[in-house]
């Protein structure tokens, strides 16, 4: 998995490519821990993300909780149909802002 970050003031965009799974989820979790201070608008670009596992979903849920606690917003853009289906089956489409 590749993580590309673009920061602009209190907005942070993270573009992921590859697979967000048990092996790569800890890498994203560490990246978020070091990057979210002062962030009010967090967006994920999933246009190049091929797969997400339950470990990846856990990291997204944790990020959403942190953003809620900080009074910020989080959104997910560009998810393919397979990932959108995973969000629907798990109920994450009711928890996360998916565009």
C-alpha atoms as a PDB file:
ATOM      1  CA  UNK A   1       0.000   0.000   0.000  1.00  0.00           C
ATOM      2  CA  UNK A   2       1.129   3.516  -0.778  1.00  0.00           C
ATOM      3  CA  UNK A   3       0.093   6.515   1.337  1.00  0.00           C
ATOM      4  CA  UNK A   4       0.215   9.996  -0.187  1.00  0.00           C
ATOM      5  CA  UNK A   5      -0.588  12.938   2.082  1.00  0.00           C
ATOM      6  CA  UNK A   6      -1.518  16.469   1.037  1.00  0.00           C
ATOM      7  CA  UNK A   7      -1.938  19.005   3.816  1.00  0.00           C
ATOM      8  CA  UNK A   8      -3.499  22.430   3.386  1.00  0.00           C
ATOM      9  CA  UNK A   9      -4.026  24.377   6.609  1.00  0.00           C
ATOM     10  CA  UNK A  10      -6.399  22.351   8.790  1.00  0.00           C
ATOM     11  CA  UNK A  11      -7.323  20.024   5.904  1.00  0.00           C
ATOM     12  CA  UNK A  12      -5.573  16.728   5.229  1.00  0.00           C
ATOM     13  CA  UNK A  13      -6.131  14.523   2.199  1.00  0.00           C
ATOM     14  CA  UNK A  14      -4.765  10.983   2.240  1.00  0.00           C
ATOM     15  CA  UNK A  15      -4.691   9.045  -1.017  1.00  0.00           C
ATOM     16  CA  UNK A  16      -4.269   5.292  -0.660  1.00  0.00           C
ATOM     17  CA  UNK A  17      -3.311   2.837  -3.365  1.00  0.00           C
ATOM     18  CA  UNK A  18      -3.014  -0.926  -3.192  1.00  0.00           C
ATOM     19  CA  UNK A  19      -4.516  -2.984  -0.362  1.00  0.00           C
ATOM     20  CA  UNK A  20      -5.528  -1.817   3.108  1.00  0.00           C
ATOM     21  CA  UNK A  21      -5.369  -5.081   5.031  1.00  0.00           C
ATOM     22  CA  UNK A  22      -3.932  -6.705   8.151  1.00  0.00           C
ATOM     23  CA  UNK A  23      -0.386  -6.129   6.928  1.00  0.00           C
ATOM     24  CA  UNK A  24      -0.768  -2.467   5.911  1.00  0.00           C
ATOM     25  CA  UNK A  25      -3.397  -1.171   8.385  1.00  0.00           C
ATOM     26  CA  UNK A  26      -0.823  -0.558  11.174  1.00  0.00           C
ATOM     27  CA  UNK A  27       1.153   1.650   8.771  1.00  0.00           C
ATOM     28  CA  UNK A  28      -1.911   3.835   8.104  1.00  0.00           C
ATOM     29  CA  UNK A  29      -2.751   3.900  11.809  1.00  0.00           C
ATOM     30  CA  UNK A  30       0.743   5.207  12.657  1.00  0.00           C
ATOM     31  CA  UNK A  31       0.546   7.760   9.863  1.00  0.00           C
ATOM     32  CA  UNK A  32      -2.774   9.060  11.200  1.00  0.00           C
ATOM     33  CA  UNK A  33      -1.497   9.278  14.775  1.00  0.00           C
ATOM     34  CA  UNK A  34       1.333  11.549  13.663  1.00  0.00           C
ATOM     35  CA  UNK A  35      -0.735  13.637  11.229  1.00  0.00           C
ATOM     36  CA  UNK A  36      -4.092  14.496  12.797  1.00  0.00           C
ATOM     37  CA  UNK A  37      -3.085  17.244  15.250  1.00  0.00           C
ATOM     38  CA  UNK A  38      -5.010  20.370  14.286  1.00  0.00           C
ATOM     39  CA  UNK A  39      -6.805  18.692  11.377  1.00  0.00           C
ATOM     40  CA  UNK A  40     -10.490  19.619  11.030  1.00  0.00           C
ATOM     41  CA  UNK A  41     -11.125  18.218   7.535  1.00  0.00           C
ATOM     42  CA  UNK A  42      -9.826  14.711   6.850  1.00  0.00           C
ATOM     43  CA  UNK A  43     -10.491  13.118   3.495  1.00  0.00           C
ATOM     44  CA  UNK A  44      -9.425   9.795   2.080  1.00  0.00           C
ATOM     45  CA  UNK A  45      -9.062   9.259  -1.656  1.00  0.00           C
ATOM     46  CA  UNK A  46      -9.727   5.591  -2.406  1.00  0.00           C
ATOM     47  CA  UNK A  47      -9.597   5.879  -6.227  1.00  0.00           C
ATOM     48  CA  UNK A  48      -6.506   3.644  -6.331  1.00  0.00           C
ATOM     49  CA  UNK A  49      -7.397   1.400  -3.376  1.00  0.00           C
ATOM     50  CA  UNK A  50      -8.115  -2.131  -4.549  1.00  0.00           C
ATOM     51  CA  UNK A  51      -9.148  -3.845  -1.296  1.00  0.00           C
ATOM     52  CA  UNK A  52      -9.992  -3.147   2.340  1.00  0.00           C
ATOM     53  CA  UNK A  53     -10.124  -5.739   5.134  1.00  0.00           C
ATOM     54  CA  UNK A  54     -11.625  -5.632   8.611  1.00  0.00           C
ATOM     55  CA  UNK A  55      -8.294  -4.312   9.913  1.00  0.00           C
ATOM     56  CA  UNK A  56      -8.569  -1.399   7.487  1.00  0.00           C
ATOM     57  CA  UNK A  57     -12.165  -0.774   8.528  1.00  0.00           C
ATOM     58  CA  UNK A  58     -11.045  -0.620  12.156  1.00  0.00           C
ATOM     59  CA  UNK A  59      -8.475   2.090  11.318  1.00  0.00           C
ATOM     60  CA  UNK A  60     -11.147   4.113   9.491  1.00  0.00           C
ATOM     61  CA  UNK A  61     -13.528   3.796  12.422  1.00  0.00           C
ATOM     62  CA  UNK A  62     -10.803   4.924  14.806  1.00  0.00           C
ATOM     63  CA  UNK A  63     -10.035   7.931  12.579  1.00  0.00           C
ATOM     64  CA  UNK A  64     -13.748   8.817  12.448  1.00  0.00           C
ATOM     65  CA  UNK A  65     -13.941   8.708  16.260  1.00  0.00           C
ATOM     66  CA  UNK A  66     -10.884  10.972  16.558  1.00  0.00           C
ATOM     67  CA  UNK A  67     -12.359  13.461  14.091  1.00  0.00           C
ATOM     68  CA  UNK A  68     -15.716  13.443  15.921  1.00  0.00           C
ATOM     69  CA  UNK A  69     -13.932  14.075  19.221  1.00  0.00           C
ATOM     70  CA  UNK A  70     -11.985  16.982  17.675  1.00  0.00           C
ATOM     71  CA  UNK A  71     -15.139  18.474  16.139  1.00  0.00           C
ATOM     72  CA  UNK A  72     -13.891  17.784  12.626  1.00  0.00           C
ATOM     73  CA  UNK A  73     -15.188  16.030   9.533  1.00  0.00           C
ATOM     74  CA  UNK A  74     -14.015  12.954   7.672  1.00  0.00           C
ATOM     75  CA  UNK A  75     -15.017  11.779   4.208  1.00  0.00           C
ATOM     76  CA  UNK A  76     -14.091   9.016   1.808  1.00  0.00           C
ATOM     77  CA  UNK A  77     -13.993   9.681  -1.919  1.00  0.00           C
ATOM     78  CA  UNK A  78     -13.480   7.534  -4.988  1.00  0.00           C
ATOM     79  CA  UNK A  79     -14.154   4.078  -3.538  1.00  0.00           C
ATOM     80  CA  UNK A  80     -14.699   1.385  -6.157  1.00  0.00           C
ATOM     81  CA  UNK A  81     -17.833  -0.765  -6.228  1.00  0.00           C
ATOM     82  CA  UNK A  82     -16.246  -3.647  -4.284  1.00  0.00           C
ATOM     83  CA  UNK A  83     -15.185  -1.374  -1.440  1.00  0.00           C
ATOM     84  CA  UNK A  84     -18.570   0.376  -1.438  1.00  0.00           C
ATOM     85  CA  UNK A  85     -20.202  -3.057  -1.136  1.00  0.00           C
ATOM     86  CA  UNK A  86     -17.970  -3.880   1.849  1.00  0.00           C
ATOM     87  CA  UNK A  87     -19.062  -0.594   3.471  1.00  0.00           C
ATOM     88  CA  UNK A  88     -22.730  -1.490   2.856  1.00  0.00           C
ATOM     89  CA  UNK A  89     -22.482  -5.085   4.121  1.00  0.00           C
ATOM     90  CA  UNK A  90     -20.675  -4.008   7.297  1.00  0.00           C
ATOM     91  CA  UNK A  91     -22.945  -1.015   7.925  1.00  0.00           C
ATOM     92  CA  UNK A  92     -20.021   1.409   7.633  1.00  0.00           C
ATOM     93  CA  UNK A  93     -21.938   3.411   5.030  1.00  0.00           C
ATOM     94  CA  UNK A  94     -24.167   4.515   7.924  1.00  0.00           C
ATOM     95  CA  UNK A  95     -21.165   5.548  10.045  1.00  0.00           C
ATOM     96  CA  UNK A  96     -18.795   7.075   7.504  1.00  0.00           C
ATOM     97  CA  UNK A  97     -19.341   9.912   5.033  1.00  0.00           C
ATOM     98  CA  UNK A  98     -18.778   8.185   1.710  1.00  0.00           C
ATOM     99  CA  UNK A  99     -18.996  10.232  -1.469  1.00  0.00           C
END
